[in-house]
Amino acid sequence: MAETVDELTVTYEDGGIETVKELDKKVLTKGAWATIMYRYQDWNRTKEEYGPDKYTIRRYQKQNGEYKQKSKFNISSKDQAKAIIEALEEWVKLD
């Protein structure tokens, strides 16, 4: 497991194939609890190509010097991502 926030990733390899490819990450909070939002793609074994962009928000807690994932929320589509953005923009209007 990762000792620093920068080491945290959703990248995953199975049998020499990168089955989850991290495209980007945004660190939302750091410290004993870290919150990170990732953009990634899953490998489609049938088509032998990466699928559409996906998004996930992960929460990690640092215990005994290592970050351990405690929760996650997967954003299922671009439409759901847009709905989340619209709701947040409405709630967090700047004066």
PDB file of N, CA and C in Angstrom:
ATOM      1  N   MET A   1       0.850  -1.190   0.000  1.00  0.00           N
ATOM      2  CA  MET A   1       0.000   0.000   0.000  1.00  0.00           C
ATOM      3  C   MET A   1       0.883   1.237   0.000  1.00  0.00           C
ATOM      4  N   ALA A   2       0.319   2.370  -0.288  1.00  0.00           N
ATOM      5  CA  ALA A   2       1.046   3.620  -0.444  1.00  0.00           C
ATOM      6  C   ALA A   2       1.321   4.302   0.895  1.00  0.00           C
ATOM      7  N   GLU A   3       2.485   4.913   0.972  1.00  0.00           N
ATOM      8  CA  GLU A   3       2.852   5.675   2.166  1.00  0.00           C
ATOM      9  C   GLU A   3       2.536   7.154   2.010  1.00  0.00           C
ATOM     10  N   THR A   4       2.426   7.635   0.764  1.00  0.00           N
ATOM     11  CA  THR A   4       2.106   9.037   0.509  1.00  0.00           C
ATOM     12  C   THR A   4       0.902   9.133  -0.427  1.00  0.00           C
ATOM     13  N   VAL A   5       0.251  10.278  -0.413  1.00  0.00           N
ATOM     14  CA  VAL A   5      -0.904  10.508  -1.294  1.00  0.00           C
ATOM     15  C   VAL A   5      -0.490  10.399  -2.759  1.00  0.00           C
ATOM     16  N   ASP A   6       0.701  10.875  -3.084  1.00  0.00           N
ATOM     17  CA  ASP A   6       1.159  10.832  -4.474  1.00  0.00           C
ATOM     18  C   ASP A   6       1.296   9.407  -5.006  1.00  0.00           C
ATOM     19  N   GLU A   7       1.517   8.440  -4.134  1.00  0.00           N
ATOM     20  CA  GLU A   7       1.670   7.043  -4.545  1.00  0.00           C
ATOM     21  C   GLU A   7       0.339   6.342  -4.786  1.00  0.00           C
ATOM     22  N   LEU A   8      -0.751   6.900  -4.297  1.00  0.00           N
ATOM     23  CA  LEU A   8      -2.063   6.268  -4.452  1.00  0.00           C
ATOM     24  C   LEU A   8      -2.488   6.285  -5.921  1.00  0.00           C
ATOM     25  N   THR A   9      -3.079   5.188  -6.368  1.00  0.00           N
ATOM     26  CA  THR A   9      -3.487   5.067  -7.769  1.00  0.00           C
ATOM     27  C   THR A   9      -4.620   4.055  -7.890  1.00  0.00           C
ATOM     28  N   VAL A  10      -5.350   4.133  -8.994  1.00  0.00           N
ATOM     29  CA  VAL A  10      -6.337   3.105  -9.307  1.00  0.00           C
ATOM     30  C   VAL A  10      -5.815   2.169 -10.396  1.00  0.00           C
ATOM     31  N   THR A  11      -4.631   2.439 -10.912  1.00  0.00           N
ATOM     32  CA  THR A  11      -4.023   1.584 -11.923  1.00  0.00           C
ATOM     33  C   THR A  11      -3.945   0.155 -11.399  1.00  0.00           C
ATOM     34  N   TYR A  12      -4.323  -0.784 -12.262  1.00  0.00           N
ATOM     35  CA  TYR A  12      -4.289  -2.190 -11.862  1.00  0.00           C
ATOM     36  C   TYR A  12      -3.826  -3.021 -13.046  1.00  0.00           C
ATOM     37  N   GLU A  13      -2.934  -3.961 -12.770  1.00  0.00           N
ATOM     38  CA  GLU A  13      -2.416  -4.845 -13.802  1.00  0.00           C
ATOM     39  C   GLU A  13      -2.764  -6.282 -13.454  1.00  0.00           C
ATOM     40  N   ASP A  14      -3.166  -7.038 -14.469  1.00  0.00           N
ATOM     41  CA  ASP A  14      -3.528  -8.440 -14.273  1.00  0.00           C
ATOM     42  C   ASP A  14      -2.974  -9.243 -15.449  1.00  0.00           C
ATOM     43  N   GLY A  15      -2.100 -10.170 -15.163  1.00  0.00           N
ATOM     44  CA  GLY A  15      -1.538 -11.010 -16.225  1.00  0.00           C
ATOM     45  C   GLY A  15      -0.756 -10.232 -17.256  1.00  0.00           C
ATOM     46  N   GLY A  16      -0.082  -9.177 -16.821  1.00  0.00           N
ATOM     47  CA  GLY A  16       0.718  -8.369 -17.740  1.00  0.00           C
ATOM     48  C   GLY A  16      -0.073  -7.344 -18.530  1.00  0.00           C
ATOM     49  N   ILE A  17      -1.373  -7.245 -18.273  1.00  0.00           N
ATOM     50  CA  ILE A  17      -2.226  -6.272 -18.969  1.00  0.00           C
ATOM     51  C   ILE A  17      -2.707  -5.243 -17.967  1.00  0.00           C
ATOM     52  N   GLU A  18      -2.558  -3.983 -18.317  1.00  0.00           N
ATOM     53  CA  GLU A  18      -3.066  -2.901 -17.466  1.00  0.00           C
ATOM     54  C   GLU A  18      -4.583  -2.858 -17.651  1.00  0.00           C
ATOM     55  N   THR A  19      -5.303  -3.504 -16.736  1.00  0.00           N
ATOM     56  CA  THR A  19      -6.755  -3.627 -16.870  1.00  0.00           C
ATOM     57  C   THR A  19      -7.493  -2.379 -16.401  1.00  0.00           C
ATOM     58  N   VAL A  20      -6.860  -1.577 -15.552  1.00  0.00           N
ATOM     59  CA  VAL A  20      -7.401  -0.279 -15.155  1.00  0.00           C
ATOM     60  C   VAL A  20      -6.290   0.740 -15.387  1.00  0.00           C
ATOM     61  N   LYS A  21      -6.546   1.664 -16.310  1.00  0.00           N
ATOM     62  CA  LYS A  21      -5.538   2.669 -16.666  1.00  0.00           C
ATOM     63  C   LYS A  21      -5.960   4.024 -16.110  1.00  0.00           C
ATOM     64  N   GLU A  22      -5.167   4.539 -15.168  1.00  0.00           N
ATOM     65  CA  GLU A  22      -5.443   5.862 -14.596  1.00  0.00           C
ATOM     66  C   GLU A  22      -5.053   6.931 -15.608  1.00  0.00           C
ATOM     67  N   LEU A  23      -5.990   7.833 -15.901  1.00  0.00           N
ATOM     68  CA  LEU A  23      -5.742   8.921 -16.843  1.00  0.00           C
ATOM     69  C   LEU A  23      -5.400  10.220 -16.140  1.00  0.00           C
ATOM     70  N   ASP A  24      -5.977  10.427 -14.950  1.00  0.00           N
ATOM     71  CA  ASP A  24      -5.737  11.663 -14.213  1.00  0.00           C
ATOM     72  C   ASP A  24      -6.211  11.462 -12.785  1.00  0.00           C
ATOM     73  N   LYS A  25      -5.703  12.295 -11.887  1.00  0.00           N
ATOM     74  CA  LYS A  25      -6.189  12.268 -10.507  1.00  0.00           C
ATOM     75  C   LYS A  25      -6.102  13.657  -9.930  1.00  0.00           C
ATOM     76  N   LYS A  26      -7.069  13.963  -9.081  1.00  0.00           N
ATOM     77  CA  LYS A  26      -7.120  15.239  -8.377  1.00  0.00           C
ATOM     78  C   LYS A  26      -7.199  14.941  -6.889  1.00  0.00           C
ATOM     79  N   VAL A  27      -6.236  15.437  -6.142  1.00  0.00           N
ATOM     80  CA  VAL A  27      -6.235  15.262  -4.698  1.00  0.00           C
ATOM     81  C   VAL A  27      -7.135  16.338  -4.111  1.00  0.00           C
ATOM     82  N   LEU A  28      -8.227  15.918  -3.473  1.00  0.00           N
ATOM     83  CA  LEU A  28      -9.189  16.857  -2.900  1.00  0.00           C
ATOM     84  C   LEU A  28      -8.827  17.213  -1.464  1.00  0.00           C
ATOM     85  N   THR A  29      -8.331  16.239  -0.693  1.00  0.00           N
ATOM     86  CA  THR A  29      -7.860  16.496   0.669  1.00  0.00           C
ATOM     87  C   THR A  29      -6.668  15.586   0.959  1.00  0.00           C
ATOM     88  N   LYS A  30      -5.799  16.078   1.844  1.00  0.00           N
ATOM     89  CA  LYS A  30      -4.629  15.314   2.285  1.00  0.00           C
ATOM     90  C   LYS A  30      -4.655  15.240   3.803  1.00  0.00           C
ATOM     91  N   GLY A  31      -3.829  14.384   4.344  1.00  0.00           N
ATOM     92  CA  GLY A  31      -3.723  14.278   5.792  1.00  0.00           C
ATOM     93  C   GLY A  31      -3.987  12.853   6.238  1.00  0.00           C
ATOM     94  N   ALA A  32      -4.453  12.700   7.495  1.00  0.00           N
ATOM     95  CA  ALA A  32      -4.763  11.373   8.012  1.00  0.00           C
ATOM     96  C   ALA A  32      -5.855  10.715   7.169  1.00  0.00           C
ATOM     97  N   TRP A  33      -6.754  11.531   6.633  1.00  0.00           N
ATOM     98  CA  TRP A  33      -7.753  11.085   5.668  1.00  0.00           C
ATOM     99  C   TRP A  33      -7.486  11.802   4.358  1.00  0.00           C
ATOM    100  N   ALA A  34      -7.433  11.062   3.274  1.00  0.00           N
ATOM    101  CA  ALA A  34      -7.219  11.651   1.950  1.00  0.00           C
ATOM    102  C   ALA A  34      -8.415  11.324   1.065  1.00  0.00           C
ATOM    103  N   THR A  35      -8.802  12.300   0.252  1.00  0.00           N
ATOM    104  CA  THR A  35      -9.888  12.108  -0.708  1.00  0.00           C
ATOM    105  C   THR A  35      -9.334  12.413  -2.087  1.00  0.00           C
ATOM    106  N   ILE A  36      -9.487  11.467  -2.996  1.00  0.00           N
ATOM    107  CA  ILE A  36      -8.926  11.617  -4.342  1.00  0.00           C
ATOM    108  C   ILE A  36      -9.985  11.251  -5.371  1.00  0.00           C
ATOM    109  N   MET A  37     -10.045  12.057  -6.433  1.00  0.00           N
ATOM    110  CA  MET A  37     -10.930  11.788  -7.551  1.00  0.00           C
ATOM    111  C   MET A  37     -10.065  11.351  -8.731  1.00  0.00           C
ATOM    112  N   TYR A  38     -10.446  10.233  -9.344  1.00  0.00           N
ATOM    113  CA  TYR A  38      -9.690   9.677 -10.464  1.00  0.00           C
ATOM    114  C   TYR A  38     -10.525   9.645 -11.732  1.00  0.00           C
ATOM    115  N   ARG A  39      -9.828   9.808 -12.859  1.00  0.00           N
ATOM    116  CA  ARG A  39     -10.407   9.529 -14.182  1.00  0.00           C
ATOM    117  C   ARG A  39      -9.624   8.333 -14.713  1.00  0.00           C
ATOM    118  N   TYR A  40     -10.339   7.312 -15.188  1.00  0.00           N
ATOM    119  CA  TYR A  40      -9.666   6.093 -15.600  1.00  0.00           C
ATOM    120  C   TYR A  40     -10.437   5.388 -16.713  1.00  0.00           C
ATOM    121  N   GLN A  41      -9.828   4.341 -17.260  1.00  0.00           N
ATOM    122  CA  GLN A  41     -10.475   3.502 -18.267  1.00  0.00           C
ATOM    123  C   GLN A  41     -10.237   2.039 -17.908  1.00  0.00           C
ATOM    124  N   ASP A  42     -11.235   1.206 -18.187  1.00  0.00           N
ATOM    125  CA  ASP A  42     -11.112  -0.238 -18.011  1.00  0.00           C
ATOM    126  C   ASP A  42     -10.751  -0.879 -19.344  1.00  0.00           C
ATOM    127  N   TRP A  43      -9.940  -1.929 -19.285  1.00  0.00           N
ATOM    128  CA  TRP A  43      -9.573  -2.697 -20.468  1.00  0.00           C
ATOM    129  C   TRP A  43     -10.703  -3.662 -20.816  1.00  0.00           C
ATOM    130  N   ASN A  44     -11.139  -3.628 -22.065  1.00  0.00           N
ATOM    131  CA  ASN A  44     -12.164  -4.548 -22.559  1.00  0.00           C
ATOM    132  C   ASN A  44     -11.436  -5.703 -23.242  1.00  0.00           C
ATOM    133  N   ARG A  45     -11.431  -6.856 -22.590  1.00  0.00           N
ATOM    134  CA  ARG A  45     -10.698  -8.024 -23.121  1.00  0.00           C
ATOM    135  C   ARG A  45     -11.285  -8.512 -24.452  1.00  0.00           C
ATOM    136  N   THR A  46     -12.595  -8.414 -24.605  1.00  0.00           N
ATOM    137  CA  THR A  46     -13.237  -8.879 -25.837  1.00  0.00           C
ATOM    138  C   THR A  46     -12.821  -8.021 -27.030  1.00  0.00           C
ATOM    139  N   LYS A  47     -12.896  -6.713 -26.868  1.00  0.00           N
ATOM    140  CA  LYS A  47     -12.566  -5.794 -27.955  1.00  0.00           C
ATOM    141  C   LYS A  47     -11.075  -5.485 -28.018  1.00  0.00           C
ATOM    142  N   GLU A  48     -10.335  -5.859 -26.967  1.00  0.00           N
ATOM    143  CA  GLU A  48      -8.904  -5.564 -26.847  1.00  0.00           C
ATOM    144  C   GLU A  48      -8.619  -4.069 -27.012  1.00  0.00           C
ATOM    145  N   GLU A  49      -9.405  -3.279 -26.246  1.00  0.00           N
ATOM    146  CA  GLU A  49      -9.212  -1.836 -26.233  1.00  0.00           C
ATOM    147  C   GLU A  49      -9.770  -1.290 -24.925  1.00  0.00           C
ATOM    148  N   TYR A  50      -9.384  -0.059 -24.615  1.00  0.00           N
ATOM    149  CA  TYR A  50      -9.905   0.577 -23.414  1.00  0.00           C
ATOM    150  C   TYR A  50     -11.287   1.154 -23.692  1.00  0.00           C
ATOM    151  N   GLY A  51     -12.141   1.080 -22.683  1.00  0.00           N
ATOM    152  CA  GLY A  51     -13.505   1.590 -22.787  1.00  0.00           C
ATOM    153  C   GLY A  51     -13.556   3.086 -22.536  1.00  0.00           C
ATOM    154  N   PRO A  52     -14.765   3.604 -22.384  1.00  0.00           N
ATOM    155  CA  PRO A  52     -14.934   5.046 -22.165  1.00  0.00           C
ATOM    156  C   PRO A  52     -14.373   5.474 -20.804  1.00  0.00           C
ATOM    157  N   ASP A  53     -14.131   6.770 -20.688  1.00  0.00           N
ATOM    158  CA  ASP A  53     -13.653   7.323 -19.419  1.00  0.00           C
ATOM    159  C   ASP A  53     -14.674   7.043 -18.320  1.00  0.00           C
ATOM    160  N   LYS A  54     -14.136   6.727 -17.143  1.00  0.00           N
ATOM    161  CA  LYS A  54     -14.950   6.549 -15.948  1.00  0.00           C
ATOM    162  C   LYS A  54     -14.347   7.406 -14.850  1.00  0.00           C
ATOM    163  N   TYR A  55     -15.101   7.584 -13.783  1.00  0.00           N
ATOM    164  CA  TYR A  55     -14.666   8.459 -12.693  1.00  0.00           C
ATOM    165  C   TYR A  55     -14.972   7.790 -11.365  1.00  0.00           C
ATOM    166  N   THR A  56     -14.114   8.007 -10.387  1.00  0.00           N
ATOM    167  CA  THR A  56     -14.344   7.462  -9.060  1.00  0.00           C
ATOM    168  C   THR A  56     -13.754   8.401  -8.021  1.00  0.00           C
ATOM    169  N   ILE A  57     -14.402   8.453  -6.871  1.00  0.00           N
ATOM    170  CA  ILE A  57     -13.898   9.221  -5.736  1.00  0.00           C
ATOM    171  C   ILE A  57     -13.574   8.205  -4.650  1.00  0.00           C
ATOM    172  N   ARG A  58     -12.336   8.264  -4.151  1.00  0.00           N
ATOM    173  CA  ARG A  58     -11.889   7.308  -3.139  1.00  0.00           C
ATOM    174  C   ARG A  58     -11.458   8.043  -1.873  1.00  0.00           C
ATOM    175  N   ARG A  59     -11.771   7.425  -0.723  1.00  0.00           N
ATOM    176  CA  ARG A  59     -11.345   7.938   0.582  1.00  0.00           C
ATOM    177  C   ARG A  59     -10.368   6.942   1.178  1.00  0.00           C
ATOM    178  N   TYR A  60      -9.257   7.464   1.668  1.00  0.00           N
ATOM    179  CA  TYR A  60      -8.212   6.645   2.265  1.00  0.00           C
ATOM    180  C   TYR A  60      -7.931   7.146   3.674  1.00  0.00           C
ATOM    181  N   GLN A  61      -7.582   6.211   4.554  1.00  0.00           N
ATOM    182  CA  GLN A  61      -7.162   6.571   5.906  1.00  0.00           C
ATOM    183  C   GLN A  61      -5.745   6.064   6.102  1.00  0.00           C
ATOM    184  N   LYS A  62      -4.913   6.922   6.699  1.00  0.00           N
ATOM    185  CA  LYS A  62      -3.538   6.523   6.951  1.00  0.00           C
ATOM    186  C   LYS A  62      -3.474   5.817   8.304  1.00  0.00           C
ATOM    187  N   GLN A  63      -3.009   4.570   8.287  1.00  0.00           N
ATOM    188  CA  GLN A  63      -2.861   3.766   9.497  1.00  0.00           C
ATOM    189  C   GLN A  63      -1.510   3.073   9.440  1.00  0.00           C
ATOM    190  N   ASN A  64      -0.771   3.169  10.529  1.00  0.00           N
ATOM    191  CA  ASN A  64       0.551   2.538  10.606  1.00  0.00           C
ATOM    192  C   ASN A  64       1.443   2.940   9.431  1.00  0.00           C
ATOM    193  N   GLY A  65       1.348   4.212   9.026  1.00  0.00           N
ATOM    194  CA  GLY A  65       2.210   4.757   7.978  1.00  0.00           C
ATOM    195  C   GLY A  65       1.802   4.443   6.557  1.00  0.00           C
ATOM    196  N   GLU A  66       0.665   3.765   6.372  1.00  0.00           N
ATOM    197  CA  GLU A  66       0.204   3.428   5.033  1.00  0.00           C
ATOM    198  C   GLU A  66      -1.260   3.822   4.842  1.00  0.00           C
ATOM    199  N   TYR A  67      -1.566   4.284   3.610  1.00  0.00           N
ATOM    200  CA  TYR A  67      -2.953   4.618   3.286  1.00  0.00           C
ATOM    201  C   TYR A  67      -3.716   3.356   2.913  1.00  0.00           C
ATOM    202  N   LYS A  68      -4.909   3.215   3.480  1.00  0.00           N
ATOM    203  CA  LYS A  68      -5.792   2.098   3.171  1.00  0.00           C
ATOM    204  C   LYS A  68      -7.126   2.663   2.699  1.00  0.00           C
ATOM    205  N   GLN A  69      -7.628   2.117   1.580  1.00  0.00           N
ATOM    206  CA  GLN A  69      -8.903   2.587   1.061  1.00  0.00           C
ATOM    207  C   GLN A  69     -10.019   2.233   2.031  1.00  0.00           C
ATOM    208  N   LYS A  70     -10.862   3.220   2.339  1.00  0.00           N
ATOM    209  CA  LYS A  70     -11.981   3.019   3.262  1.00  0.00           C
ATOM    210  C   LYS A  70     -13.332   3.082   2.559  1.00  0.00           C
ATOM    211  N   SER A  71     -13.419   3.867   1.485  1.00  0.00           N
ATOM    212  CA  SER A  71     -14.685   3.937   0.758  1.00  0.00           C
ATOM    213  C   SER A  71     -14.441   4.435  -0.655  1.00  0.00           C
ATOM    214  N   LYS A  72     -15.449   4.211  -1.511  1.00  0.00           N
ATOM    215  CA  LYS A  72     -15.360   4.701  -2.885  1.00  0.00           C
ATOM    216  C   LYS A  72     -16.756   4.954  -3.414  1.00  0.00           C
ATOM    217  N   PHE A  73     -16.812   5.872  -4.365  1.00  0.00           N
ATOM    218  CA  PHE A  73     -18.048   6.150  -5.080  1.00  0.00           C
ATOM    219  C   PHE A  73     -17.704   6.194  -6.558  1.00  0.00           C
ATOM    220  N   ASN A  74     -18.300   5.293  -7.329  1.00  0.00           N
ATOM    221  CA  ASN A  74     -18.069   5.265  -8.767  1.00  0.00           C
ATOM    222  C   ASN A  74     -19.143   6.065  -9.474  1.00  0.00           C
ATOM    223  N   ILE A  75     -18.717   6.965 -10.329  1.00  0.00           N
ATOM    224  CA  ILE A  75     -19.627   7.759 -11.144  1.00  0.00           C
ATOM    225  C   ILE A  75     -19.839   6.950 -12.421  1.00  0.00           C
ATOM    226  N   SER A  76     -21.064   6.551 -12.665  1.00  0.00           N
ATOM    227  CA  SER A  76     -21.341   5.532 -13.672  1.00  0.00           C
ATOM    228  C   SER A  76     -21.300   6.003 -15.122  1.00  0.00           C
ATOM    229  N   SER A  77     -21.401   7.309 -15.357  1.00  0.00           N
ATOM    230  CA  SER A  77     -21.432   7.790 -16.739  1.00  0.00           C
ATOM    231  C   SER A  77     -21.105   9.283 -16.789  1.00  0.00           C
ATOM    232  N   LYS A  78     -20.871   9.758 -18.007  1.00  0.00           N
ATOM    233  CA  LYS A  78     -20.657  11.195 -18.180  1.00  0.00           C
ATOM    234  C   LYS A  78     -21.917  11.974 -17.812  1.00  0.00           C
ATOM    235  N   ASP A  79     -23.082  11.401 -18.090  1.00  0.00           N
ATOM    236  CA  ASP A  79     -24.336  12.068 -17.728  1.00  0.00           C
ATOM    237  C   ASP A  79     -24.453  12.225 -16.218  1.00  0.00           C
ATOM    238  N   GLN A  80     -24.098  11.190 -15.469  1.00  0.00           N
ATOM    239  CA  GLN A  80     -24.144  11.297 -14.017  1.00  0.00           C
ATOM    240  C   GLN A  80     -23.112  12.319 -13.530  1.00  0.00           C
ATOM    241  N   ALA A  81     -21.937  12.338 -14.137  1.00  0.00           N
ATOM    242  CA  ALA A  81     -20.912  13.318 -13.764  1.00  0.00           C
ATOM    243  C   ALA A  81     -21.426  14.742 -13.991  1.00  0.00           C
ATOM    244  N   LYS A  82     -22.078  14.967 -15.125  1.00  0.00           N
ATOM    245  CA  LYS A  82     -22.633  16.291 -15.418  1.00  0.00           C
ATOM    246  C   LYS A  82     -23.707  16.682 -14.414  1.00  0.00           C
ATOM    247  N   ALA A  83     -24.543  15.723 -14.002  1.00  0.00           N
ATOM    248  CA  ALA A  83     -25.590  16.005 -13.015  1.00  0.00           C
ATOM    249  C   ALA A  83     -24.975  16.379 -11.667  1.00  0.00           C
ATOM    250  N   ILE A  84     -23.896  15.710 -11.292  1.00  0.00           N
ATOM    251  CA  ILE A  84     -23.196  16.030 -10.047  1.00  0.00           C
ATOM    252  C   ILE A  84     -22.609  17.437 -10.125  1.00  0.00           C
ATOM    253  N   ILE A  85     -21.996  17.757 -11.251  1.00  0.00           N
ATOM    254  CA  ILE A  85     -21.408  19.089 -11.446  1.00  0.00           C
ATOM    255  C   ILE A  85     -22.489  20.160 -11.336  1.00  0.00           C
ATOM    256  N   GLU A  86     -23.625  19.948 -11.998  1.00  0.00           N
ATOM    257  CA  GLU A  86     -24.716  20.927 -11.965  1.00  0.00           C
ATOM    258  C   GLU A  86     -25.231  21.132 -10.543  1.00  0.00           C
ATOM    259  N   ALA A  87     -25.398  20.056  -9.804  1.00  0.00           N
ATOM    260  CA  ALA A  87     -25.886  20.169  -8.425  1.00  0.00           C
ATOM    261  C   ALA A  87     -24.890  20.938  -7.564  1.00  0.00           C
ATOM    262  N   LEU A  88     -23.618  20.619  -7.690  1.00  0.00           N
ATOM    263  CA  LEU A  88     -22.598  21.319  -6.892  1.00  0.00           C
ATOM    264  C   LEU A  88     -22.507  22.794  -7.266  1.00  0.00           C
ATOM    265  N   GLU A  89     -22.581  23.090  -8.566  1.00  0.00           N
ATOM    266  CA  GLU A  89     -22.541  24.496  -8.982  1.00  0.00           C
ATOM    267  C   GLU A  89     -23.722  25.268  -8.403  1.00  0.00           C
ATOM    268  N   GLU A  90     -24.878  24.651  -8.348  1.00  0.00           N
ATOM    269  CA  GLU A  90     -26.057  25.304  -7.775  1.00  0.00           C
ATOM    270  C   GLU A  90     -25.874  25.546  -6.276  1.00  0.00           C
ATOM    271  N   TRP A  91     -25.331  24.565  -5.576  1.00  0.00           N
ATOM    272  CA  TRP A  91     -25.164  24.659  -4.134  1.00  0.00           C
ATOM    273  C   TRP A  91     -24.028  25.573  -3.706  1.00  0.00           C
ATOM    274  N   VAL A  92     -23.033  25.713  -4.558  1.00  0.00           N
ATOM    275  CA  VAL A  92     -21.825  26.447  -4.168  1.00  0.00           C
ATOM    276  C   VAL A  92     -21.676  27.701  -5.021  1.00  0.00           C
ATOM    277  N   LYS A  93     -22.775  28.381  -5.247  1.00  0.00           N
ATOM    278  CA  LYS A  93     -22.720  29.611  -6.035  1.00  0.00           C
ATOM    279  C   LYS A  93     -21.849  30.644  -5.344  1.00  0.00           C
ATOM    280  N   LEU A  94     -21.008  31.271  -6.159  1.00  0.00           N
ATOM    281  CA  LEU A  94     -20.144  32.321  -5.609  1.00  0.00           C
ATOM    282  C   LEU A  94     -20.884  33.643  -5.670  1.00  0.00           C
ATOM    283  N   ASP A  95     -20.763  34.418  -4.614  1.00  0.00           N
ATOM    284  CA  ASP A  95     -21.416  35.742  -4.566  1.00  0.00           C
ATOM    285  C   ASP A  95     -20.637  36.773  -5.343  1.00  0.00           C
TER     286      ASP A  95
END
